[in-house]
N, C-alpha and C. Protein backbone atom coordinates (compact mmCIF):
# COMPACT_ATOMS: atom_id res chain seq x y z
N MET A 1 12.26 21.87 -100.81
CA MET A 1 13.72 21.65 -99.75
C MET A 1 14.49 20.90 -101.35
N ALA A 2 15.50 20.56 -100.90
CA ALA A 2 16.41 19.70 -101.94
C ALA A 2 16.72 18.65 -101.25
N ASP A 3 16.64 17.92 -101.66
CA ASP A 3 17.01 16.11 -100.81
C ASP A 3 18.77 16.51 -100.01
N ALA A 4 18.94 16.13 -98.99
CA ALA A 4 20.09 16.01 -98.70
C ALA A 4 20.96 14.71 -98.73
N PRO A 5 22.27 15.03 -98.72
CA PRO A 5 22.98 14.33 -99.58
C PRO A 5 22.84 12.54 -98.11
N ALA A 6 22.85 11.35 -98.81
CA ALA A 6 22.56 10.39 -97.68
C ALA A 6 23.94 10.78 -96.41
N GLU A 7 23.68 10.20 -95.52
CA GLU A 7 24.54 10.35 -94.22
C GLU A 7 25.07 8.95 -93.89
N ALA A 8 26.19 9.00 -93.41
CA ALA A 8 26.78 7.80 -93.23
C ALA A 8 26.12 7.63 -91.68
N PRO A 9 26.29 6.49 -91.64
CA PRO A 9 25.71 5.22 -90.47
C PRO A 9 25.90 5.99 -89.42
N ALA A 10 24.63 6.10 -88.17
CA ALA A 10 25.10 6.62 -87.14
C ALA A 10 25.64 5.95 -86.19
N ALA A 11 26.96 6.28 -85.36
CA ALA A 11 27.37 5.86 -84.78
C ALA A 11 26.99 4.79 -83.28
N PRO A 12 27.47 3.72 -83.13
CA PRO A 12 26.64 2.95 -82.00
C PRO A 12 25.98 3.69 -80.89
N ALA A 13 25.44 3.24 -80.42
CA ALA A 13 24.86 3.68 -79.29
C ALA A 13 25.77 4.03 -78.25
N GLU A 14 26.59 2.99 -78.32
CA GLU A 14 27.17 2.68 -77.23
C GLU A 14 28.45 3.80 -77.03
N ALA A 15 28.79 4.21 -78.36
CA ALA A 15 30.23 4.70 -78.55
C ALA A 15 30.31 6.30 -77.92
N ALA A 16 30.69 6.78 -76.82
CA ALA A 16 30.89 8.38 -76.31
C ALA A 16 30.97 9.26 -77.39
N PRO A 17 30.32 10.83 -77.34
CA PRO A 17 30.93 11.77 -77.59
C PRO A 17 32.81 11.66 -77.26
N ALA A 18 33.88 11.89 -78.27
CA ALA A 18 34.95 12.03 -78.08
C ALA A 18 35.43 13.34 -77.99
N PRO A 19 35.78 13.83 -77.28
CA PRO A 19 36.56 15.07 -77.36
C PRO A 19 37.59 14.61 -78.27
N ALA A 20 37.75 16.75 -78.69
CA ALA A 20 39.19 16.70 -79.93
C ALA A 20 40.26 15.77 -79.30
N PRO A 21 40.71 14.70 -80.08
CA PRO A 21 41.87 14.11 -79.58
C PRO A 21 42.92 14.97 -79.27
N ALA A 22 43.93 14.92 -78.32
CA ALA A 22 45.14 15.87 -78.08
C ALA A 22 46.12 15.56 -78.99
N PRO A 23 47.02 16.07 -79.43
CA PRO A 23 48.09 15.76 -80.50
C PRO A 23 48.59 14.46 -79.91
N ALA A 24 48.95 13.48 -81.65
CA ALA A 24 49.49 12.08 -80.71
C ALA A 24 50.88 12.07 -80.20
N ALA A 25 51.42 13.20 -80.65
CA ALA A 25 53.04 12.92 -80.10
C ALA A 25 53.51 13.36 -78.43
N ASP A 26 51.70 13.69 -77.78
CA ASP A 26 51.37 13.56 -76.71
C ASP A 26 51.61 12.34 -75.49
N VAL A 27 51.87 11.37 -76.37
CA VAL A 27 51.91 9.97 -76.09
C VAL A 27 53.07 9.16 -76.69
N SER A 28 53.84 8.64 -75.88
CA SER A 28 54.89 8.00 -76.56
C SER A 28 54.39 6.09 -76.85
N ALA A 29 55.35 5.97 -77.40
CA ALA A 29 55.22 4.28 -77.88
C ALA A 29 55.00 3.42 -76.90
N ASP A 30 55.60 3.60 -75.79
CA ASP A 30 55.76 3.14 -74.73
C ASP A 30 54.20 3.32 -73.90
N GLN A 31 54.12 4.71 -73.82
CA GLN A 31 53.19 5.07 -72.98
C GLN A 31 51.91 4.31 -73.11
N LEU A 32 51.79 4.19 -74.54
CA LEU A 32 50.27 3.75 -75.35
C LEU A 32 50.29 2.28 -75.28
N GLU A 33 51.56 1.87 -75.08
CA GLU A 33 51.03 0.49 -75.02
C GLU A 33 51.20 0.18 -73.15
N ASP A 34 51.63 1.07 -72.65
CA ASP A 34 51.13 0.54 -71.22
C ASP A 34 49.60 0.98 -71.46
N PHE A 35 49.06 2.29 -71.70
CA PHE A 35 47.75 2.62 -71.68
C PHE A 35 46.84 0.98 -72.27
N LYS A 36 47.58 0.52 -73.22
CA LYS A 36 47.05 -0.67 -73.83
C LYS A 36 46.50 -1.59 -72.61
N GLU A 37 47.45 -1.97 -72.66
CA GLU A 37 47.89 -3.12 -71.71
C GLU A 37 46.84 -3.09 -70.46
N ALA A 38 46.70 -1.67 -69.69
CA ALA A 38 45.93 -1.22 -68.58
C ALA A 38 44.34 -1.40 -68.92
N PHE A 39 44.24 -0.76 -70.21
CA PHE A 39 42.86 -1.08 -70.95
C PHE A 39 42.17 -2.14 -71.13
N GLY A 40 43.02 -3.55 -71.37
CA GLY A 40 43.03 -4.82 -71.43
C GLY A 40 42.79 -5.45 -70.06
N LEU A 41 43.19 -4.68 -69.06
CA LEU A 41 42.89 -5.35 -67.67
C LEU A 41 41.87 -5.33 -67.11
N PHE A 42 41.32 -4.07 -67.86
CA PHE A 42 40.20 -3.55 -67.26
C PHE A 42 38.59 -4.00 -68.04
N ASP A 43 39.00 -4.54 -69.02
CA ASP A 43 37.71 -5.41 -69.82
C ASP A 43 37.78 -6.68 -69.36
N ARG A 44 36.21 -6.51 -68.86
CA ARG A 44 36.11 -8.04 -68.22
C ARG A 44 35.45 -9.16 -68.89
N VAL A 45 34.92 -8.39 -69.83
CA VAL A 45 33.91 -9.37 -70.74
C VAL A 45 35.25 -10.38 -72.18
N GLY A 46 36.17 -9.41 -72.13
CA GLY A 46 36.81 -10.09 -73.38
C GLY A 46 36.39 -9.30 -74.67
N ASP A 47 36.01 -8.59 -74.83
CA ASP A 47 35.29 -7.94 -75.87
C ASP A 47 36.25 -6.40 -76.45
N SER A 48 37.23 -6.38 -75.61
CA SER A 48 38.09 -4.67 -76.11
C SER A 48 37.40 -3.97 -75.73
N LYS A 49 36.45 -3.79 -74.98
CA LYS A 49 36.05 -2.88 -74.37
C LYS A 49 35.59 -2.78 -73.38
N VAL A 50 35.46 -1.75 -72.42
CA VAL A 50 35.38 -1.43 -70.74
C VAL A 50 33.98 -0.57 -70.37
N ALA A 51 33.54 -0.79 -69.73
CA ALA A 51 32.31 -0.04 -69.39
C ALA A 51 32.50 1.37 -68.78
N TYR A 52 31.38 1.91 -68.88
CA TYR A 52 31.60 3.50 -68.72
C TYR A 52 32.29 3.69 -67.42
N ASN A 53 31.69 2.97 -66.28
CA ASN A 53 31.33 2.70 -64.56
C ASN A 53 33.17 2.58 -64.39
N GLN A 54 33.97 2.14 -65.82
CA GLN A 54 35.48 2.03 -65.02
C GLN A 54 36.17 2.83 -65.91
N VAL A 55 35.66 3.46 -66.43
CA VAL A 55 36.80 4.31 -67.38
C VAL A 55 37.35 5.52 -66.01
N ALA A 56 36.61 5.81 -64.77
CA ALA A 56 37.30 6.23 -63.85
C ALA A 56 38.70 5.68 -63.16
N ASP A 57 37.98 4.53 -62.81
CA ASP A 57 39.17 3.98 -62.49
C ASP A 57 39.95 3.46 -63.14
N LEU A 58 40.11 3.46 -64.65
CA LEU A 58 40.79 3.11 -65.26
C LEU A 58 42.03 4.35 -65.70
N MET A 59 41.40 5.60 -65.55
CA MET A 59 42.63 7.09 -65.67
C MET A 59 42.91 6.82 -64.59
N ARG A 60 42.99 6.31 -63.57
CA ARG A 60 43.59 6.58 -62.15
C ARG A 60 44.70 5.48 -62.09
N ALA A 61 44.00 4.29 -62.56
CA ALA A 61 44.89 3.44 -62.45
C ALA A 61 46.73 3.52 -63.72
N LEU A 62 46.06 4.57 -64.48
CA LEU A 62 46.98 5.09 -65.40
C LEU A 62 47.69 6.53 -64.61
N GLY A 63 47.43 6.78 -63.44
CA GLY A 63 48.28 7.98 -62.60
C GLY A 63 47.64 8.98 -62.83
N GLN A 64 46.23 9.40 -63.47
CA GLN A 64 45.55 10.46 -63.24
C GLN A 64 44.50 10.62 -62.17
N ASN A 65 43.66 12.02 -61.96
CA ASN A 65 43.41 11.91 -60.53
C ASN A 65 42.26 12.81 -61.34
N PRO A 66 41.11 12.35 -62.45
CA PRO A 66 40.10 13.01 -62.71
C PRO A 66 38.93 12.93 -61.62
N THR A 67 37.91 13.60 -61.34
CA THR A 67 36.59 13.71 -60.51
C THR A 67 35.89 13.06 -61.41
N ASN A 68 34.93 12.18 -61.03
CA ASN A 68 33.82 11.54 -61.37
C ASN A 68 32.89 12.34 -62.34
N LYS A 69 33.04 13.48 -61.76
CA LYS A 69 31.92 14.73 -62.62
C LYS A 69 32.47 14.67 -63.94
N ASP A 70 34.44 14.90 -63.48
CA ASP A 70 35.01 15.37 -65.14
C ASP A 70 35.13 14.34 -66.10
N VAL A 71 35.03 12.51 -65.33
CA VAL A 71 34.83 11.65 -66.64
C VAL A 71 33.33 11.95 -66.82
N ALA A 72 32.19 11.96 -66.05
CA ALA A 72 31.18 11.91 -67.02
C ALA A 72 31.07 12.66 -68.02
N ALA A 73 31.13 13.76 -67.87
CA ALA A 73 31.30 15.19 -68.40
C ALA A 73 31.85 14.56 -69.74
N ILE A 74 33.29 13.92 -69.79
CA ILE A 74 33.65 13.56 -70.85
C ILE A 74 32.93 11.98 -71.84
N LEU A 75 32.12 11.61 -70.50
CA LEU A 75 31.50 10.70 -71.80
C LEU A 75 30.52 10.67 -71.88
N GLY A 76 29.97 12.33 -72.12
CA GLY A 76 28.80 12.86 -72.42
C GLY A 76 27.73 13.04 -71.40
N ASN A 77 28.03 13.08 -70.42
CA ASN A 77 27.01 12.96 -68.76
C ASN A 77 25.91 11.69 -69.10
N PRO A 78 26.39 10.40 -68.79
CA PRO A 78 25.52 9.35 -69.52
C PRO A 78 24.51 9.40 -68.20
N SER A 79 23.48 8.50 -68.44
CA SER A 79 22.50 8.33 -67.35
C SER A 79 23.31 6.96 -66.42
N ALA A 80 22.84 6.53 -65.25
CA ALA A 80 23.42 5.59 -64.04
C ALA A 80 22.97 4.57 -64.99
N GLU A 81 22.02 4.05 -66.03
CA GLU A 81 21.82 3.08 -66.59
C GLU A 81 22.82 2.90 -67.55
N ASP A 82 23.21 3.96 -68.05
CA ASP A 82 23.91 4.19 -69.63
C ASP A 82 25.57 3.68 -68.57
N MET A 83 25.80 4.35 -67.49
CA MET A 83 26.83 4.18 -66.73
C MET A 83 27.35 2.54 -66.52
N ALA A 84 26.59 1.62 -66.72
CA ALA A 84 26.29 0.20 -65.75
C ALA A 84 26.49 -0.20 -66.94
N ASN A 85 25.58 -0.17 -68.22
CA ASN A 85 25.33 -0.95 -69.64
C ASN A 85 26.41 -0.67 -70.90
N GLN A 86 26.73 1.07 -71.22
CA GLN A 86 27.28 1.08 -72.25
C GLN A 86 29.02 0.80 -71.96
N ARG A 87 29.49 0.77 -72.79
CA ARG A 87 31.20 0.19 -72.95
C ARG A 87 31.91 0.76 -74.48
N ILE A 88 33.24 1.14 -74.08
CA ILE A 88 33.73 1.62 -75.10
C ILE A 88 34.96 1.04 -75.45
N ASP A 89 35.71 1.21 -76.48
CA ASP A 89 36.78 0.70 -77.23
C ASP A 89 38.04 1.64 -76.49
N PHE A 90 39.34 0.59 -76.83
CA PHE A 90 40.11 1.90 -76.48
C PHE A 90 40.55 3.32 -77.87
N ASP A 91 40.32 3.06 -78.90
CA ASP A 91 40.56 4.15 -79.78
C ASP A 91 39.02 5.39 -79.18
N THR A 92 38.51 5.00 -79.00
CA THR A 92 37.51 6.36 -78.14
C THR A 92 37.99 6.78 -77.10
N PHE A 93 38.57 5.62 -75.89
CA PHE A 93 39.16 5.73 -74.68
C PHE A 93 40.19 6.76 -74.59
N LEU A 94 40.88 6.77 -75.74
CA LEU A 94 42.59 7.30 -75.50
C LEU A 94 41.94 8.58 -75.80
N PRO A 95 41.37 9.11 -76.33
CA PRO A 95 41.00 11.22 -76.95
C PRO A 95 40.50 11.17 -75.23
N MET A 96 40.05 10.77 -74.60
CA MET A 96 39.32 10.84 -73.12
C MET A 96 40.63 10.92 -72.22
N LEU A 97 41.14 9.92 -72.34
CA LEU A 97 42.56 9.88 -71.43
C LEU A 97 43.26 11.05 -71.81
N GLN A 98 43.87 11.23 -72.68
CA GLN A 98 44.43 12.56 -73.14
C GLN A 98 43.98 14.00 -72.84
N THR A 99 42.89 14.25 -73.06
CA THR A 99 41.65 15.26 -72.36
C THR A 99 42.62 15.39 -70.80
N VAL A 100 42.49 14.15 -70.49
CA VAL A 100 42.29 13.99 -68.55
C VAL A 100 44.02 14.83 -68.75
N ILE A 101 44.99 14.01 -68.96
CA ILE A 101 46.29 14.14 -69.28
C ILE A 101 46.26 15.56 -69.47
N ASN A 102 46.10 16.32 -70.50
CA ASN A 102 46.21 18.03 -71.23
C ASN A 102 45.47 18.80 -69.79
N SER A 103 44.85 18.32 -69.17
CA SER A 103 43.74 19.46 -68.50
C SER A 103 44.87 19.51 -66.97
N PRO A 104 44.43 21.17 -66.69
CA PRO A 104 45.33 21.89 -65.95
C PRO A 104 44.82 20.76 -64.53
N GLN A 105 46.42 21.03 -63.26
CA GLN A 105 45.88 20.02 -62.75
C GLN A 105 44.65 21.05 -61.81
N LYS A 106 43.89 20.17 -60.72
CA LYS A 106 43.09 20.64 -60.19
C LYS A 106 43.08 21.40 -58.97
N GLY A 107 44.09 20.88 -58.09
CA GLY A 107 44.72 21.23 -56.52
C GLY A 107 45.16 22.33 -56.88
N THR A 108 45.27 23.22 -56.39
CA THR A 108 45.96 25.03 -56.32
C THR A 108 46.75 24.62 -54.89
N TYR A 109 47.12 25.60 -54.46
CA TYR A 109 47.34 25.95 -53.24
C TYR A 109 46.17 26.30 -52.41
N ASP A 110 45.54 27.16 -53.01
CA ASP A 110 44.55 28.10 -52.24
C ASP A 110 43.20 26.81 -51.72
N ASP A 111 43.10 25.29 -52.70
CA ASP A 111 42.17 24.23 -52.51
C ASP A 111 42.62 23.54 -51.28
N TYR A 112 44.31 23.32 -51.66
CA TYR A 112 44.60 22.67 -50.22
C TYR A 112 45.10 23.35 -49.17
N VAL A 113 45.17 24.56 -48.87
CA VAL A 113 44.55 25.17 -47.61
C VAL A 113 43.08 25.62 -47.28
N GLU A 114 42.27 25.56 -47.79
CA GLU A 114 41.38 25.62 -47.72
C GLU A 114 40.67 24.13 -46.68
N GLY A 115 41.06 22.96 -47.58
CA GLY A 115 40.77 21.78 -46.98
C GLY A 115 41.27 21.82 -45.58
N LEU A 116 42.66 21.99 -45.75
CA LEU A 116 43.56 21.97 -43.74
C LEU A 116 43.18 22.85 -43.09
N ARG A 117 42.35 23.72 -43.86
CA ARG A 117 41.84 24.82 -42.45
C ARG A 117 40.47 24.01 -41.75
N VAL A 118 40.13 23.17 -42.31
CA VAL A 118 38.47 22.62 -41.59
C VAL A 118 39.12 21.73 -40.43
N PHE A 119 40.81 21.16 -40.28
CA PHE A 119 40.95 20.44 -39.20
C PHE A 119 41.77 21.51 -38.08
N ASP A 120 42.16 22.65 -38.29
CA ASP A 120 42.30 24.02 -37.38
C ASP A 120 41.21 24.79 -36.44
N LYS A 121 40.98 23.55 -35.28
CA LYS A 121 39.96 24.07 -34.74
C LYS A 121 40.09 25.21 -33.99
N GLU A 122 41.41 25.53 -33.95
CA GLU A 122 42.00 27.12 -33.20
C GLU A 122 41.53 28.07 -33.64
N GLY A 123 41.63 28.22 -35.00
CA GLY A 123 42.02 29.03 -36.03
C GLY A 123 43.04 29.79 -36.08
N ASN A 124 43.97 29.29 -35.10
CA ASN A 124 45.28 30.28 -35.48
C ASN A 124 46.43 29.39 -36.83
N GLY A 125 45.93 28.94 -37.66
CA GLY A 125 46.75 28.58 -39.34
C GLY A 125 47.48 27.29 -38.56
N THR A 126 47.57 26.32 -37.56
CA THR A 126 47.81 25.27 -37.11
C THR A 126 47.17 24.13 -37.35
N VAL A 127 47.54 22.59 -37.54
CA VAL A 127 46.58 21.43 -37.12
C VAL A 127 47.46 21.00 -36.53
N MET A 128 46.88 19.35 -35.84
CA MET A 128 47.88 19.12 -34.84
C MET A 128 48.13 17.51 -35.81
N GLY A 129 49.26 18.08 -36.21
CA GLY A 129 50.05 16.62 -36.45
C GLY A 129 49.61 15.39 -36.55
N ALA A 130 49.39 14.82 -35.10
CA ALA A 130 48.74 13.63 -35.42
C ALA A 130 48.03 13.35 -36.38
N GLU A 131 47.17 14.22 -35.94
CA GLU A 131 45.82 14.28 -36.64
C GLU A 131 45.92 14.37 -38.39
N LEU A 132 46.72 14.96 -38.71
CA LEU A 132 47.59 14.88 -40.34
C LEU A 132 47.78 13.65 -40.50
N ARG A 133 48.61 13.39 -39.57
CA ARG A 133 48.99 12.12 -40.01
C ARG A 133 48.20 11.12 -39.74
N ILE A 134 47.07 10.89 -39.45
CA ILE A 134 45.61 10.11 -39.32
C ILE A 134 44.93 10.48 -40.71
N VAL A 135 45.01 11.36 -41.17
CA VAL A 135 44.63 11.93 -42.19
C VAL A 135 45.25 11.54 -43.42
N LEU A 136 45.95 11.42 -43.74
CA LEU A 136 47.45 10.90 -44.64
C LEU A 136 46.97 9.53 -44.90
N SER A 137 46.92 8.61 -43.57
CA SER A 137 46.80 7.52 -43.58
C SER A 137 45.88 6.98 -44.17
N THR A 138 44.74 7.26 -44.23
CA THR A 138 43.14 6.61 -44.27
C THR A 138 42.17 7.23 -45.15
N LEU A 139 42.26 8.83 -45.45
CA LEU A 139 41.51 9.18 -46.88
C LEU A 139 41.76 9.61 -47.41
N GLY A 140 41.32 9.03 -48.77
CA GLY A 140 41.65 9.23 -50.36
C GLY A 140 42.40 8.28 -50.51
N GLU A 141 43.75 8.79 -51.16
CA GLU A 141 44.50 7.45 -51.74
C GLU A 141 45.83 7.61 -50.57
N LYS A 142 45.27 6.23 -49.96
CA LYS A 142 46.11 6.19 -48.68
C LYS A 142 47.71 6.18 -48.64
N MET A 143 48.37 6.67 -47.55
CA MET A 143 50.01 7.12 -47.76
C MET A 143 50.70 5.74 -47.02
N THR A 144 51.66 5.16 -46.32
CA THR A 144 52.25 3.95 -46.02
C THR A 144 52.76 5.22 -44.81
N GLU A 145 52.99 4.56 -43.46
CA GLU A 145 53.55 5.57 -43.24
C GLU A 145 54.72 5.82 -43.14
N ALA A 146 55.86 5.22 -44.03
CA ALA A 146 57.48 5.68 -44.53
C ALA A 146 57.13 7.02 -45.14
N GLU A 147 55.71 6.74 -46.03
CA GLU A 147 55.71 7.98 -46.98
C GLU A 147 55.40 9.17 -46.17
N ILE A 148 54.16 8.92 -45.24
CA ILE A 148 54.08 10.10 -44.37
C ILE A 148 55.07 10.98 -43.32
N ASP A 149 56.05 10.22 -42.95
CA ASP A 149 57.35 10.38 -42.08
C ASP A 149 58.28 11.13 -42.98
N ALA A 150 57.88 10.80 -44.27
CA ALA A 150 59.41 11.27 -45.20
C ALA A 150 58.22 13.17 -45.20
N LEU A 151 57.08 12.88 -45.90
CA LEU A 151 56.19 14.34 -46.08
C LEU A 151 56.45 15.00 -44.85
N MET A 152 56.05 14.51 -43.49
CA MET A 152 56.05 15.54 -42.24
C MET A 152 57.35 15.85 -41.64
N THR A 153 58.68 15.10 -42.24
CA THR A 153 59.74 15.47 -41.59
C THR A 153 59.78 17.06 -41.49
N GLY A 154 59.72 18.09 -40.19
CA GLY A 154 60.82 18.74 -39.94
C GLY A 154 59.27 19.91 -40.32
N GLN A 155 58.16 19.66 -40.33
CA GLN A 155 56.86 20.00 -40.39
C GLN A 155 56.31 20.49 -38.97
N GLU A 156 56.49 19.26 -38.17
CA GLU A 156 56.39 19.56 -36.84
C GLU A 156 56.52 20.71 -35.88
N ASP A 157 56.43 21.97 -35.06
CA ASP A 157 56.73 22.22 -34.13
C ASP A 157 56.71 21.98 -32.46
N GLU A 158 57.24 21.85 -31.89
CA GLU A 158 57.69 21.67 -30.26
C GLU A 158 56.60 21.25 -29.50
N ASN A 159 55.53 21.54 -29.87
CA ASN A 159 54.29 21.46 -29.80
C ASN A 159 53.11 20.09 -30.68
N GLY A 160 54.10 19.75 -31.42
CA GLY A 160 53.26 18.47 -32.21
C GLY A 160 52.68 18.99 -33.32
N SER A 161 52.39 20.37 -33.69
CA SER A 161 51.35 21.15 -34.75
C SER A 161 51.97 22.05 -35.89
N VAL A 162 51.55 21.56 -36.69
CA VAL A 162 51.97 21.74 -38.39
C VAL A 162 51.14 23.09 -39.16
N HIS A 163 51.91 24.16 -39.27
CA HIS A 163 51.84 25.32 -39.89
C HIS A 163 50.88 24.83 -41.26
N TYR A 164 49.90 24.78 -41.47
CA TYR A 164 49.61 24.38 -42.48
C TYR A 164 50.00 25.25 -43.90
N GLU A 165 49.27 26.43 -44.16
CA GLU A 165 49.93 27.23 -45.35
C GLU A 165 51.77 26.66 -45.70
N ALA A 166 52.15 26.85 -44.77
CA ALA A 166 53.84 26.44 -44.88
C ALA A 166 53.83 24.69 -45.47
N PHE A 167 53.01 24.19 -44.72
CA PHE A 167 53.07 22.48 -45.43
C PHE A 167 52.85 22.10 -46.52
N VAL A 168 51.49 23.31 -47.03
CA VAL A 168 50.98 23.06 -48.03
C VAL A 168 52.16 23.23 -49.04
N LYS A 169 52.61 24.64 -48.76
CA LYS A 169 54.19 25.11 -49.83
C LYS A 169 55.00 23.97 -49.98
N HIS A 170 55.24 23.26 -48.74
CA HIS A 170 56.27 21.94 -48.74
C HIS A 170 55.99 21.23 -49.43
N ILE A 171 54.58 20.88 -49.37
CA ILE A 171 54.24 19.51 -50.49
C ILE A 171 54.19 20.03 -51.71
N LEU A 172 54.07 21.14 -52.37
CA LEU A 172 53.16 21.31 -53.79
C LEU A 172 55.13 21.70 -54.27
N SER A 173 55.99 21.78 -53.71
CA SER A 173 57.08 21.87 -54.26
C SER A 173 57.83 20.63 -54.19
N VAL A 174 57.97 19.50 -53.66
CA VAL A 174 58.38 18.12 -54.03
C VAL A 174 58.26 17.49 -54.84
């Protein structure tokens, strides 16, 4: 067997396998500065890095909505210990963020209808508007009363019910 050429030193153990970077043209100079600023806010140690377990929250702070499973996959499915202890720098984070930004949106019409169908107690295609208001104000990314009122305007029938298939079409068109 021939001697193999010397290899470059291995990357530090804390560097996550980065996905192929998206074209730099996808990010404006202003966006890049915003990303760097937010990244800096999540750097609690002062070493210009953030912990793996902060990456999902950082992406959400930047307006993205990845699932924890998606972020774990992007990070290379690290162990719980690695999630708590490993850190990444901005240059490693940016292509990960671009991957999330460029990925198709997860929520489809069918996904939302299926989610609302859970609240359809009578199986008639409607949910109670009051119940929907409670869900929108208490679960997930909580909405304000003003936001809910704006979203629900014209959606409730005379009985206070919301036809959820029409409602989903409405929210996807807003």
